[in-house]
């Protein structure tokens, strides 16, 4: 059994403006969606409601209970009327999705054909969250620029202010705390005198010194004291390395003269740091953190075998290791292998594929054919439902016209008969019933179509694919490739002998060698794709290309 939970929300403002469907309507539509999926084992398990709460944040009782039950393993799928019922903020939705993903819970928007229990829904979600991350990165950049400006002016950039100082909110400056400042001076002096970190922290704790005490105000207004803990070696080392104590502020890897007063002089600060560094043994471990995006997807067209990640052991001018996808036939035979591909540089190949995928978003015919492919179910089964849909839409339009006429009467007359008021209420109720019927009918139509895709999201994402994907973490990039790409086969290519490639191929030059590739994608039917005519390193040449599925 698949436990399907329903979440509904409506704000007081939406009620007043008659926006969004009522909680009851949302529940009814979601229940119908679950009923349609009963052959998959779906079963309604629980209802979580938030009446009178806006979508500005996630601090709602119903939402909090839902997330608690998700963590407790009581939910397999969350069904909502629309995505904005969860939140109107992409950032909050991203955080919500992280909770779902960590507990293997799927997400469904009943009226938007958004279902992460299938590959199409997962693809859409990754596209959507790519833009959420893009927006977050823009906000981070703006914040970073402001913080850099403050640091250049010598201003403290906020956060926990360091031990030895208090913060004057009016002057917006760090002010020396005399009692704590004495402790800071003692720490620097002891390090210069030759004490080890362990000896300094033991001495401080024995004398009764404690870390800085701070007051924290919780969301409900309750004040709580934190800090005032025993010193440890890391705390002592961080104090010694902090330039704030010699009158500077640090931002990222730069330091700037501060507007605040120093607790220790420049000479004492430098002596303490040299003394500490001379006793520290630094172990530098060089590690390649590259995530191979095409692992498990790429094959050698010459041998028909998989190509696996292979580090050469050498590094380039930037200090990055040379990485390859190597044909498995090349591993046991080494130099004696007859494979003509042998190995292909990993990073350039991955960048090339990103460009190929970006070009898909420029092809309007491709996107339209995707829509046709996604909705190619038997038209004979859908046509009757579509006719019913048109009838209901016409009925809703007529009812709405009648409602408007009664509203005009309300405006023109001070006193309106009870009969007219009753007609008005009945019309509103009838329209809501018809709207519910229309939503249910649309769910049935979508089910018969099999797969409905939000092509606006896909188009926007593919058009900016190479930019957006770079903002994702390497693991998320790999997951997105796994959802998009079914297989990519690599062959040697000779542009002087093969002037025009067959449909289904694109070519690229990496370093000094030319390759051609046959790419198969999920969810996208065969379609012509013309890549830009370029001839420099690691760029596609202008040959007709057909992406196959």
Protein backbone atom coordinates (compact mmCIF):
# COMPACT_ATOMS: atom_id res chain seq x y z
CA UNK A 1 0.00 0.00 0.00
CA UNK A 2 1.21 3.49 -0.90
CA UNK A 3 0.22 5.97 1.80
CA UNK A 4 -0.97 9.15 0.09
CA UNK A 5 -1.39 12.20 2.33
CA UNK A 6 -3.32 15.31 1.25
CA UNK A 7 -2.24 18.82 2.19
CA UNK A 8 -4.59 21.81 1.78
CA UNK A 9 -4.16 25.51 2.55
CA UNK A 10 -6.06 28.74 2.02
CA UNK A 11 -5.22 32.17 3.41
CA UNK A 12 -7.69 34.69 4.80
CA UNK A 13 -6.80 37.07 1.98
CA UNK A 14 -7.58 34.41 -0.63
CA UNK A 15 -10.91 33.78 1.05
CA UNK A 16 -11.76 37.48 0.97
CA UNK A 17 -10.83 37.77 -2.71
CA UNK A 18 -12.50 34.45 -3.48
CA UNK A 19 -9.17 33.19 -4.79
CA UNK A 20 -8.11 29.55 -4.80
CA UNK A 21 -10.53 26.80 -4.10
CA UNK A 22 -11.85 26.14 -0.62
CA UNK A 23 -10.22 23.54 1.61
CA UNK A 24 -13.09 21.17 0.88
CA UNK A 25 -12.69 21.59 -2.87
CA UNK A 26 -8.93 21.07 -2.70
CA UNK A 27 -9.47 17.90 -0.67
CA UNK A 28 -12.09 16.56 -3.09
CA UNK A 29 -9.84 17.10 -6.12
CA UNK A 30 -6.87 15.46 -4.39
CA UNK A 31 -9.00 12.49 -3.30
CA UNK A 32 -10.10 12.02 -6.90
CA UNK A 33 -6.47 12.07 -8.04
CA UNK A 34 -5.59 9.37 -5.49
CA UNK A 35 -8.59 7.33 -6.61
CA UNK A 36 -7.41 7.52 -10.23
CA UNK A 37 -4.03 6.07 -9.12
CA UNK A 38 -5.57 3.19 -7.18
CA UNK A 39 -4.18 0.65 -9.68
CA UNK A 40 -0.72 1.72 -8.48
CA UNK A 41 -1.66 0.87 -4.90
CA UNK A 42 -2.30 4.45 -3.78
CA UNK A 43 -4.53 4.85 -0.74
CA UNK A 44 -5.58 7.98 1.12
CA UNK A 45 -3.91 8.00 4.54
CA UNK A 46 -4.30 11.42 6.19
CA UNK A 47 -5.41 15.02 5.67
CA UNK A 48 -3.31 18.01 6.77
CA UNK A 49 -5.02 21.41 6.68
CA UNK A 50 -3.93 25.01 7.23
CA UNK A 51 -7.04 27.25 7.10
CA UNK A 52 -6.29 30.97 7.27
CA UNK A 53 -2.50 30.69 6.73
CA UNK A 54 -0.55 32.44 3.98
CA UNK A 55 2.14 30.80 1.88
CA UNK A 56 4.85 33.29 2.84
CA UNK A 57 6.70 30.73 4.97
CA UNK A 58 6.44 27.15 6.26
CA UNK A 59 5.53 27.98 9.87
CA UNK A 60 1.99 26.53 9.81
CA UNK A 61 0.59 23.89 12.17
CA UNK A 62 -0.67 21.61 9.43
CA UNK A 63 2.57 21.83 7.47
CA UNK A 64 4.68 21.21 10.57
CA UNK A 65 2.61 18.13 11.46
CA UNK A 66 2.96 16.87 7.88
CA UNK A 67 6.74 17.25 7.97
CA UNK A 68 6.84 15.50 11.34
CA UNK A 69 4.87 12.53 9.95
CA UNK A 70 7.12 12.45 6.87
CA UNK A 71 10.15 12.12 9.13
CA UNK A 72 8.33 9.41 11.10
CA UNK A 73 7.77 7.37 7.92
CA UNK A 74 3.97 7.73 7.94
CA UNK A 75 3.75 9.22 4.42
CA UNK A 76 4.80 7.85 1.00
CA UNK A 77 3.31 10.55 -1.26
CA UNK A 78 2.15 14.13 -0.62
CA UNK A 79 -0.74 15.27 -2.83
CA UNK A 80 -1.70 18.95 -3.15
CA UNK A 81 -4.20 20.89 -5.27
CA UNK A 82 -1.46 23.17 -6.64
CA UNK A 83 2.24 23.64 -5.91
CA UNK A 84 1.64 27.08 -4.39
CA UNK A 85 -0.38 25.44 -1.61
CA UNK A 86 2.98 24.30 -0.21
CA UNK A 87 4.59 27.71 -0.56
CA UNK A 88 4.68 30.72 -2.83
CA UNK A 89 8.46 30.79 -2.43
CA UNK A 90 10.68 28.55 -4.56
CA UNK A 91 13.28 28.63 -1.81
CA UNK A 92 10.86 27.27 0.79
CA UNK A 93 9.64 24.66 -1.67
CA UNK A 94 13.25 23.59 -2.25
CA UNK A 95 13.73 23.05 1.49
CA UNK A 96 10.44 21.12 1.64
CA UNK A 97 11.58 18.94 -1.25
CA UNK A 98 14.88 18.22 0.51
CA UNK A 99 12.88 16.75 3.42
CA UNK A 100 10.78 14.65 1.00
CA UNK A 101 13.86 13.42 -0.85
CA UNK A 102 15.70 12.48 2.35
CA UNK A 103 12.75 10.29 3.37
CA UNK A 104 11.94 8.87 -0.10
CA UNK A 105 8.56 10.63 -0.29
CA UNK A 106 7.07 11.57 -3.68
CA UNK A 107 5.18 14.78 -4.43
CA UNK A 108 2.09 15.36 -6.61
CA UNK A 109 0.24 18.47 -7.75
CA UNK A 110 -3.16 17.12 -8.77
CA UNK A 111 -4.14 19.90 -11.17
CA UNK A 112 -0.72 20.60 -12.69
CA UNK A 113 0.29 17.08 -13.80
CA UNK A 114 3.30 17.26 -11.51
CA UNK A 115 4.15 13.83 -10.11
CA UNK A 116 7.64 12.96 -8.82
CA UNK A 117 6.74 9.27 -8.60
CA UNK A 118 7.60 9.04 -12.33
CA UNK A 119 10.63 10.09 -14.40
CA UNK A 120 8.84 12.99 -16.13
CA UNK A 121 7.82 14.54 -12.83
CA UNK A 122 11.33 14.16 -11.46
CA UNK A 123 12.73 15.84 -14.56
CA UNK A 124 10.32 18.77 -14.14
CA UNK A 125 11.15 19.08 -10.46
CA UNK A 126 14.89 19.18 -11.12
CA UNK A 127 14.35 21.88 -13.72
CA UNK A 128 12.16 23.87 -11.33
CA UNK A 129 14.61 23.56 -8.45
CA UNK A 130 17.48 24.53 -10.75
CA UNK A 131 15.87 27.93 -11.11
CA UNK A 132 15.18 28.08 -7.38
CA UNK A 133 18.88 27.55 -6.78
CA UNK A 134 19.68 30.11 -9.49
CA UNK A 135 17.56 32.70 -7.65
CA UNK A 136 19.24 31.84 -4.35
CA UNK A 137 22.67 32.28 -5.92
CA UNK A 138 21.66 35.72 -7.22
CA UNK A 139 20.52 36.70 -3.73
CA UNK A 140 23.79 35.40 -2.29
CA UNK A 141 25.76 37.46 -4.81
CA UNK A 142 23.89 40.62 -3.87
CA UNK A 143 24.41 39.93 -0.16
CA UNK A 144 28.07 39.13 -0.77
CA UNK A 145 28.56 42.46 -2.57
CA UNK A 146 27.07 44.37 0.36
CA UNK A 147 29.20 42.48 2.88
CA UNK A 148 32.35 43.09 0.83
CA UNK A 149 31.56 46.81 0.77
CA UNK A 150 31.10 46.89 4.56
CA UNK A 151 34.36 45.00 5.10
CA UNK A 152 36.27 47.42 2.86
CA UNK A 153 35.00 50.23 5.07
CA UNK A 154 36.24 48.35 8.15
CA UNK A 155 32.74 47.51 9.42
CA UNK A 156 31.75 44.32 11.25
CA UNK A 157 29.56 42.20 8.98
CA UNK A 158 27.18 40.83 11.56
CA UNK A 159 26.73 37.39 13.07
CA UNK A 160 28.17 36.39 16.42
CA UNK A 161 30.50 39.21 17.44
CA UNK A 162 33.79 37.88 18.82
CA UNK A 163 34.70 37.42 22.43
CA UNK A 164 36.33 40.58 23.76
CA UNK A 165 33.81 42.86 22.07
CA UNK A 166 30.21 44.01 22.33
CA UNK A 167 28.24 45.61 19.51
CA UNK A 168 26.96 49.19 19.68
CA UNK A 169 23.77 49.15 17.60
CA UNK A 170 23.54 52.94 17.42
CA UNK A 171 27.11 53.51 16.26
CA UNK A 172 27.12 50.17 14.42
CA UNK A 173 30.61 49.38 15.63
CA UNK A 174 32.39 46.80 17.78
CA UNK A 175 33.19 48.11 21.28
CA UNK A 176 35.78 46.55 23.59
CA UNK A 177 34.38 44.61 26.55
CA UNK A 178 37.04 45.29 29.26
CA UNK A 179 36.57 42.03 31.20
CA UNK A 180 36.64 39.77 28.12
CA UNK A 181 39.49 41.77 26.60
CA UNK A 182 41.71 40.82 29.54
CA UNK A 183 41.07 37.14 28.78
CA UNK A 184 41.96 37.65 25.11
CA UNK A 185 45.23 39.38 26.01
CA UNK A 186 46.13 36.56 28.39
CA UNK A 187 45.56 33.96 25.64
CA UNK A 188 47.91 35.77 23.23
CA UNK A 189 50.56 36.24 25.91
CA UNK A 190 50.51 32.58 26.95
CA UNK A 191 50.96 31.39 23.35
CA UNK A 192 53.93 33.73 22.90
CA UNK A 193 55.40 32.45 26.17
CA UNK A 194 55.47 28.95 24.71
CA UNK A 195 52.33 27.33 26.12
CA UNK A 196 50.66 24.65 23.98
CA UNK A 197 47.00 24.96 23.01
CA UNK A 198 46.07 22.20 25.44
CA UNK A 199 47.94 23.96 28.25
CA UNK A 200 46.28 27.31 27.49
CA UNK A 201 42.76 25.89 27.50
CA UNK A 202 43.44 23.92 30.71
CA UNK A 203 44.80 27.02 32.45
CA UNK A 204 41.85 29.16 31.34
CA UNK A 205 39.33 26.58 32.54
CA UNK A 206 41.13 26.14 35.87
CA UNK A 207 41.02 29.90 36.48
CA UNK A 208 37.27 29.90 35.77
CA UNK A 209 37.36 31.67 32.40
CA UNK A 210 34.50 30.80 30.05
CA UNK A 211 33.55 31.55 26.44
CA UNK A 212 31.36 34.55 25.67
CA UNK A 213 27.79 34.45 26.95
CA UNK A 214 25.09 35.60 24.53
CA UNK A 215 21.34 36.14 24.79
CA UNK A 216 19.21 34.59 22.04
CA UNK A 217 15.54 35.50 21.52
CA UNK A 218 13.48 32.63 20.17
CA UNK A 219 10.65 32.96 17.66
CA UNK A 220 8.05 33.05 20.42
CA UNK A 221 9.85 35.92 22.18
CA UNK A 222 11.45 33.73 24.86
CA UNK A 223 15.01 34.77 25.77
CA UNK A 224 17.68 32.13 26.21
CA UNK A 225 21.33 32.39 27.23
CA UNK A 226 23.91 30.47 25.19
CA UNK A 227 27.70 30.20 25.41
CA UNK A 228 29.61 30.53 28.70
CA UNK A 229 31.21 27.13 28.02
CA UNK A 230 34.63 25.73 28.92
CA UNK A 231 37.40 26.54 26.43
CA UNK A 232 38.71 23.93 24.04
CA UNK A 233 41.81 23.94 21.80
CA UNK A 234 39.92 24.93 18.64
CA UNK A 235 38.40 27.92 20.40
CA UNK A 236 41.84 29.11 21.51
CA UNK A 237 43.36 28.61 18.04
CA UNK A 238 40.50 30.53 16.38
CA UNK A 239 41.10 33.47 18.72
CA UNK A 240 44.82 33.57 17.85
CA UNK A 241 44.12 33.49 14.09
CA UNK A 242 41.35 36.11 14.19
CA UNK A 243 42.63 39.48 12.82
CA UNK A 244 39.77 41.31 14.56
CA UNK A 245 41.90 41.43 17.71
CA UNK A 246 44.62 43.51 16.02
CA UNK A 247 42.00 45.95 14.69
CA UNK A 248 41.14 44.38 11.31
CA UNK A 249 38.05 42.73 9.81
CA UNK A 250 38.15 39.67 7.58
CA UNK A 251 35.91 39.01 4.62
CA UNK A 252 36.54 35.73 2.82
CA UNK A 253 40.32 35.61 2.20
CA UNK A 254 40.97 39.34 2.59
CA UNK A 255 41.45 41.54 5.65
CA UNK A 256 40.80 45.28 5.94
CA UNK A 257 41.67 47.90 8.61
CA UNK A 258 38.70 48.10 10.97
CA UNK A 259 36.97 51.11 12.51
CA UNK A 260 37.01 49.33 15.90
CA UNK A 261 39.86 49.45 18.43
CA UNK A 262 42.40 46.63 18.68
CA UNK A 263 42.72 44.51 21.84
CA UNK A 264 46.28 43.39 21.09
CA UNK A 265 49.03 45.14 19.14
CA UNK A 266 50.20 44.10 15.67
CA UNK A 267 53.52 42.77 17.01
CA UNK A 268 51.90 40.58 19.68
CA UNK A 269 49.35 39.22 17.16
CA UNK A 270 52.10 38.30 14.65
CA UNK A 271 54.30 36.69 17.33
CA UNK A 272 51.42 34.58 18.64
CA UNK A 273 50.49 33.37 15.16
CA UNK A 274 54.07 32.50 14.27
CA UNK A 275 54.47 30.64 17.55
CA UNK A 276 51.26 28.71 17.01
CA UNK A 277 51.98 27.89 13.36
CA UNK A 278 55.49 26.68 14.16
CA UNK A 279 54.03 24.03 16.47
CA UNK A 280 51.32 22.90 14.05
CA UNK A 281 51.86 20.06 11.63
CA UNK A 282 49.94 20.73 8.46
CA UNK A 283 48.95 17.76 6.35
CA UNK A 284 47.80 18.68 2.85
CA UNK A 285 45.77 16.02 1.09
CA UNK A 286 45.15 16.47 -2.62
CA UNK A 287 41.82 14.98 -3.51
CA UNK A 288 39.89 14.91 -6.74
CA UNK A 289 36.28 15.74 -5.95
CA UNK A 290 35.07 15.60 -9.55
CA UNK A 291 31.69 13.92 -9.97
CA UNK A 292 31.59 12.12 -13.32
CA UNK A 293 28.24 13.20 -14.77
CA UNK A 294 28.16 10.51 -17.48
CA UNK A 295 29.14 7.54 -15.35
CA UNK A 296 27.01 4.57 -16.40
CA UNK A 297 25.66 6.44 -19.45
CA UNK A 298 28.60 6.51 -21.86
CA UNK A 299 29.66 3.63 -24.13
CA UNK A 300 32.45 3.07 -26.61
CA UNK A 301 30.87 2.80 -30.05
CA UNK A 302 33.90 0.96 -31.39
CA UNK A 303 33.90 -1.86 -28.82
CA UNK A 304 30.31 -1.64 -27.59
CA UNK A 305 31.59 -1.63 -24.00
CA UNK A 306 31.02 0.82 -21.17
CA UNK A 307 33.43 3.70 -20.63
CA UNK A 308 34.34 4.26 -17.02
CA UNK A 309 35.98 7.17 -15.14
CA UNK A 310 39.77 6.99 -15.18
CA UNK A 311 42.24 9.43 -13.51
CA UNK A 312 45.57 9.70 -15.35
CA UNK A 313 47.52 10.60 -12.21
CA UNK A 314 48.99 13.76 -13.77
CA UNK A 315 47.74 17.32 -13.26
CA UNK A 316 47.26 20.30 -15.54
CA UNK A 317 48.54 23.87 -15.03
CA UNK A 318 45.64 24.61 -12.65
CA UNK A 319 46.58 21.65 -10.46
CA UNK A 320 43.54 19.62 -11.52
CA UNK A 321 44.07 15.93 -12.35
CA UNK A 322 43.55 14.82 -15.94
CA UNK A 323 40.33 12.82 -15.97
CA UNK A 324 39.03 10.55 -18.69
CA UNK A 325 36.24 8.18 -19.62
CA UNK A 326 38.15 5.07 -20.61
CA UNK A 327 36.86 2.10 -22.60
CA UNK A 328 36.89 -1.00 -20.42
CA UNK A 329 38.55 -2.93 -23.27
CA UNK A 330 41.54 -0.65 -22.76
CA UNK A 331 42.07 -1.64 -19.11
CA UNK A 332 43.29 -5.27 -19.36
CA UNK A 333 45.15 -4.86 -22.68
CA UNK A 334 46.70 -1.46 -21.99
CA UNK A 335 48.80 -0.32 -24.95
CA UNK A 336 47.95 -3.50 -26.86
CA UNK A 337 44.22 -2.67 -26.94
CA UNK A 338 42.72 -2.44 -30.45
CA UNK A 339 40.10 0.07 -29.30
CA UNK A 340 40.27 3.23 -31.45
CA UNK A 341 38.64 5.40 -28.79
CA UNK A 342 40.65 4.18 -25.80
CA UNK A 343 39.90 7.23 -23.60
CA UNK A 344 38.26 10.64 -23.96
CA UNK A 345 38.82 13.68 -21.65
CA UNK A 346 35.95 13.81 -19.16
CA UNK A 347 35.52 17.51 -18.44
CA UNK A 348 35.42 18.75 -22.08
CA UNK A 349 33.02 15.96 -23.05
CA UNK A 350 30.65 16.87 -20.22
CA UNK A 351 30.75 20.55 -21.22
CA UNK A 352 30.00 19.62 -24.83
CA UNK A 353 26.98 17.59 -23.81
CA UNK A 354 25.65 20.53 -21.77
CA UNK A 355 25.81 22.67 -24.92
CA UNK A 356 24.01 20.02 -26.95
CA UNK A 357 21.20 19.86 -24.40
CA UNK A 358 20.99 23.65 -24.30
CA UNK A 359 20.34 23.70 -28.06
CA UNK A 360 17.25 21.55 -27.55
CA UNK A 361 15.54 24.52 -25.89
CA UNK A 362 16.01 26.63 -29.03
CA UNK A 363 14.02 24.22 -31.17
CA UNK A 364 10.31 25.06 -31.03
CA UNK A 365 9.36 22.15 -33.27
CA UNK A 366 11.12 19.78 -30.90
CA UNK A 367 9.16 21.03 -27.89
CA UNK A 368 5.89 20.81 -29.79
CA UNK A 369 6.66 17.26 -30.82
CA UNK A 370 7.42 16.43 -27.19
CA UNK A 371 3.94 17.63 -26.32
CA UNK A 372 2.45 15.43 -29.03
CA UNK A 373 4.51 12.46 -27.89
CA UNK A 374 3.55 12.95 -24.24
CA UNK A 375 -0.15 13.01 -25.15
CA UNK A 376 -0.33 10.33 -27.84
CA UNK A 377 -2.82 8.10 -25.98
CA UNK A 378 -5.87 6.95 -27.86
CA UNK A 379 -7.76 10.03 -29.05
CA UNK A 380 -10.94 7.99 -29.22
CA UNK A 381 -10.88 7.62 -25.41
CA UNK A 382 -10.08 11.26 -24.77
CA UNK A 383 -12.50 12.90 -27.23
CA UNK A 384 -15.68 12.18 -25.23
CA UNK A 385 -14.07 13.62 -22.09
CA UNK A 386 -12.91 16.69 -23.99
CA UNK A 387 -16.45 17.24 -25.30
CA UNK A 388 -17.76 17.01 -21.74
CA UNK A 389 -15.08 19.47 -20.70
CA UNK A 390 -16.24 22.01 -23.30
CA UNK A 391 -19.85 21.64 -22.11
CA UNK A 392 -18.89 22.22 -18.48
CA UNK A 393 -16.78 25.25 -19.42
CA UNK A 394 -19.74 26.70 -21.32
CA UNK A 395 -21.99 26.10 -18.32
CA UNK A 396 -19.50 27.79 -15.99
CA UNK A 397 -19.33 30.79 -18.34
CA UNK A 398 -23.15 31.11 -18.36
CA UNK A 399 -23.35 30.81 -14.57
CA UNK A 400 -20.62 33.43 -14.19
CA UNK A 401 -22.58 35.77 -16.48
CA UNK A 402 -25.70 35.30 -14.32
CA UNK A 403 -23.69 35.98 -11.17
CA UNK A 404 -22.38 39.23 -12.68
CA UNK A 405 -25.94 40.35 -13.49
CA UNK A 406 -27.05 39.79 -9.89
CA UNK A 407 -23.98 41.66 -8.63
CA UNK A 408 -25.04 44.62 -10.79
CA UNK A 409 -28.48 44.49 -9.14
CA UNK A 410 -26.80 44.56 -5.72
CA UNK A 411 -24.89 47.67 -6.76
CA UNK A 412 -27.96 49.51 -8.05
CA UNK A 413 -30.45 48.67 -5.31
CA UNK A 414 -30.20 49.24 -1.59
CA UNK A 415 -32.74 46.57 -0.79
CA UNK A 416 -32.67 43.24 -2.60
CA UNK A 417 -35.26 40.52 -2.17
CA UNK A 418 -34.40 37.34 -0.34
CA UNK A 419 -35.24 35.40 -3.50
CA UNK A 420 -32.47 37.15 -5.45
CA UNK A 421 -30.02 36.57 -2.58
CA UNK A 422 -30.90 32.87 -2.60
CA UNK A 423 -30.42 32.72 -6.37
CA UNK A 424 -27.00 34.32 -5.94
CA UNK A 425 -25.92 31.74 -3.33
CA UNK A 426 -27.25 28.87 -5.43
CA UNK A 427 -25.39 30.09 -8.49
CA UNK A 428 -22.14 30.34 -6.53
CA UNK A 429 -22.62 26.80 -5.22
CA UNK A 430 -23.47 25.50 -8.66
CA UNK A 431 -20.42 27.14 -10.21
CA UNK A 432 -18.15 25.62 -7.57
CA UNK A 433 -19.65 22.17 -8.23
CA UNK A 434 -19.05 22.57 -11.95
CA UNK A 435 -15.49 23.74 -11.34
CA UNK A 436 -14.82 20.67 -9.21
CA UNK A 437 -16.28 18.47 -11.96
CA UNK A 438 -14.06 20.26 -14.48
CA UNK A 439 -10.92 19.68 -12.38
CA UNK A 440 -11.75 15.99 -11.97
CA UNK A 441 -12.38 15.67 -15.69
CA UNK A 442 -9.01 17.24 -16.42
CA UNK A 443 -7.31 14.73 -14.11
CA UNK A 444 -8.98 11.89 -16.02
CA UNK A 445 -7.90 13.39 -19.35
CA UNK A 446 -4.33 13.75 -18.14
CA UNK A 447 -4.29 10.15 -16.95
CA UNK A 448 -5.40 8.96 -20.40
CA UNK A 449 -2.80 11.09 -22.05
CA UNK A 450 -0.28 9.27 -19.93
CA UNK A 451 2.27 12.02 -19.45
CA UNK A 452 1.73 15.75 -19.42
CA UNK A 453 4.77 17.97 -19.33
CA UNK A 454 5.13 21.62 -18.33
CA UNK A 455 6.93 22.66 -21.51
CA UNK A 456 7.49 26.24 -20.39
CA UNK A 457 9.70 24.99 -17.56
CA UNK A 458 11.52 22.56 -19.85
CA UNK A 459 12.04 25.19 -22.54
CA UNK A 460 13.38 27.79 -20.10
CA UNK A 461 15.62 25.23 -18.45
CA UNK A 462 17.07 23.86 -21.67
CA UNK A 463 17.67 27.34 -23.08
CA UNK A 464 19.83 28.16 -20.06
CA UNK A 465 20.90 24.59 -19.35
CA UNK A 466 24.64 25.19 -19.45
CA UNK A 467 24.35 28.20 -17.09
CA UNK A 468 21.78 26.84 -14.67
CA UNK A 469 23.41 23.43 -14.24
CA UNK A 470 26.69 25.03 -13.13
CA UNK A 471 24.83 26.48 -10.13
CA UNK A 472 23.77 23.01 -9.02
CA UNK A 473 25.93 20.82 -6.82
CA UNK A 474 27.93 18.13 -8.69
CA UNK A 475 25.72 15.42 -7.20
CA UNK A 476 22.55 17.22 -8.37
CA UNK A 477 24.10 17.72 -11.81
CA UNK A 478 24.74 14.00 -12.08
CA UNK A 479 21.19 13.20 -10.97
CA UNK A 480 19.80 15.53 -13.64
CA UNK A 481 21.92 13.87 -16.34
CA UNK A 482 20.73 10.46 -15.19
CA UNK A 483 17.12 11.63 -15.63
CA UNK A 484 17.69 13.20 -19.05
CA UNK A 485 20.19 10.94 -20.79
CA UNK A 486 19.45 7.33 -21.64
CA UNK A 487 22.75 6.59 -23.38
CA UNK A 488 25.59 8.26 -25.28
CA UNK A 489 27.84 6.31 -27.67
CA UNK A 490 31.21 7.72 -28.71
CA UNK A 491 32.93 6.93 -32.04
CA UNK A 492 36.05 8.25 -33.80
CA UNK A 493 35.29 10.90 -36.43
CA UNK A 494 37.17 12.07 -39.53
CA UNK A 495 35.72 15.41 -40.71
CA UNK A 496 37.75 15.32 -43.95
CA UNK A 497 36.18 11.98 -44.92
CA UNK A 498 32.72 12.36 -43.35
CA UNK A 499 31.37 15.67 -44.59
CA UNK A 500 27.85 15.06 -43.32
CA UNK A 501 26.75 12.94 -40.39
CA UNK A 502 23.72 10.74 -40.47
CA UNK A 503 20.68 11.73 -38.44
CA UNK A 504 21.08 10.98 -34.78
CA UNK A 505 24.63 12.27 -34.37
CA UNK A 506 26.68 15.30 -33.35
CA UNK A 507 30.43 15.80 -33.63
CA UNK A 508 33.01 17.59 -31.51
CA UNK A 509 36.75 18.12 -31.33
CA UNK A 510 38.42 17.65 -27.95
CA UNK A 511 42.06 18.67 -27.82
CA UNK A 512 43.43 17.34 -31.13
CA UNK A 513 40.98 14.52 -31.79
CA UNK A 514 37.55 14.49 -33.41
CA UNK A 515 34.67 12.38 -32.11
CA UNK A 516 31.08 11.76 -33.10
CA UNK A 517 28.38 10.81 -30.66
CA UNK A 518 24.94 9.25 -30.78
CA UNK A 519 22.75 10.60 -27.98
CA UNK A 520 19.55 9.03 -26.65
CA UNK A 521 17.33 10.95 -24.24
CA UNK A 522 14.34 10.04 -22.12
CA UNK A 523 10.95 11.65 -22.86
CA UNK A 524 12.06 13.33 -26.12
CA UNK A 525 11.00 11.80 -29.46
CA UNK A 526 13.15 11.78 -32.64
CA UNK A 527 13.61 15.34 -33.91
CA UNK A 528 15.98 17.25 -36.17
CA UNK A 529 18.45 19.48 -34.33
CA UNK A 530 20.94 21.79 -36.01
CA UNK A 531 23.97 22.58 -33.90
CA UNK A 532 25.86 25.86 -34.40
CA UNK A 533 28.59 25.81 -37.03
CA UNK A 534 31.80 26.08 -35.06
CA UNK A 535 35.20 24.54 -35.57
CA UNK A 536 37.37 25.51 -32.60
CA UNK A 537 38.33 23.16 -29.81
CA UNK A 538 35.53 21.43 -27.96
CA UNK A 539 32.78 22.89 -30.16
CA UNK A 540 30.13 21.23 -32.27
CA UNK A 541 30.28 21.53 -36.04
CA UNK A 542 27.25 22.37 -38.16
CA UNK A 543 25.88 18.97 -39.00
CA UNK A 544 22.28 17.89 -38.90
CA UNK A 545 21.66 16.08 -35.65
CA UNK A 546 18.79 13.92 -34.55
CA UNK A 547 18.25 13.10 -30.89
CA UNK A 548 16.93 9.56 -30.59
CA UNK A 549 14.95 7.87 -27.84
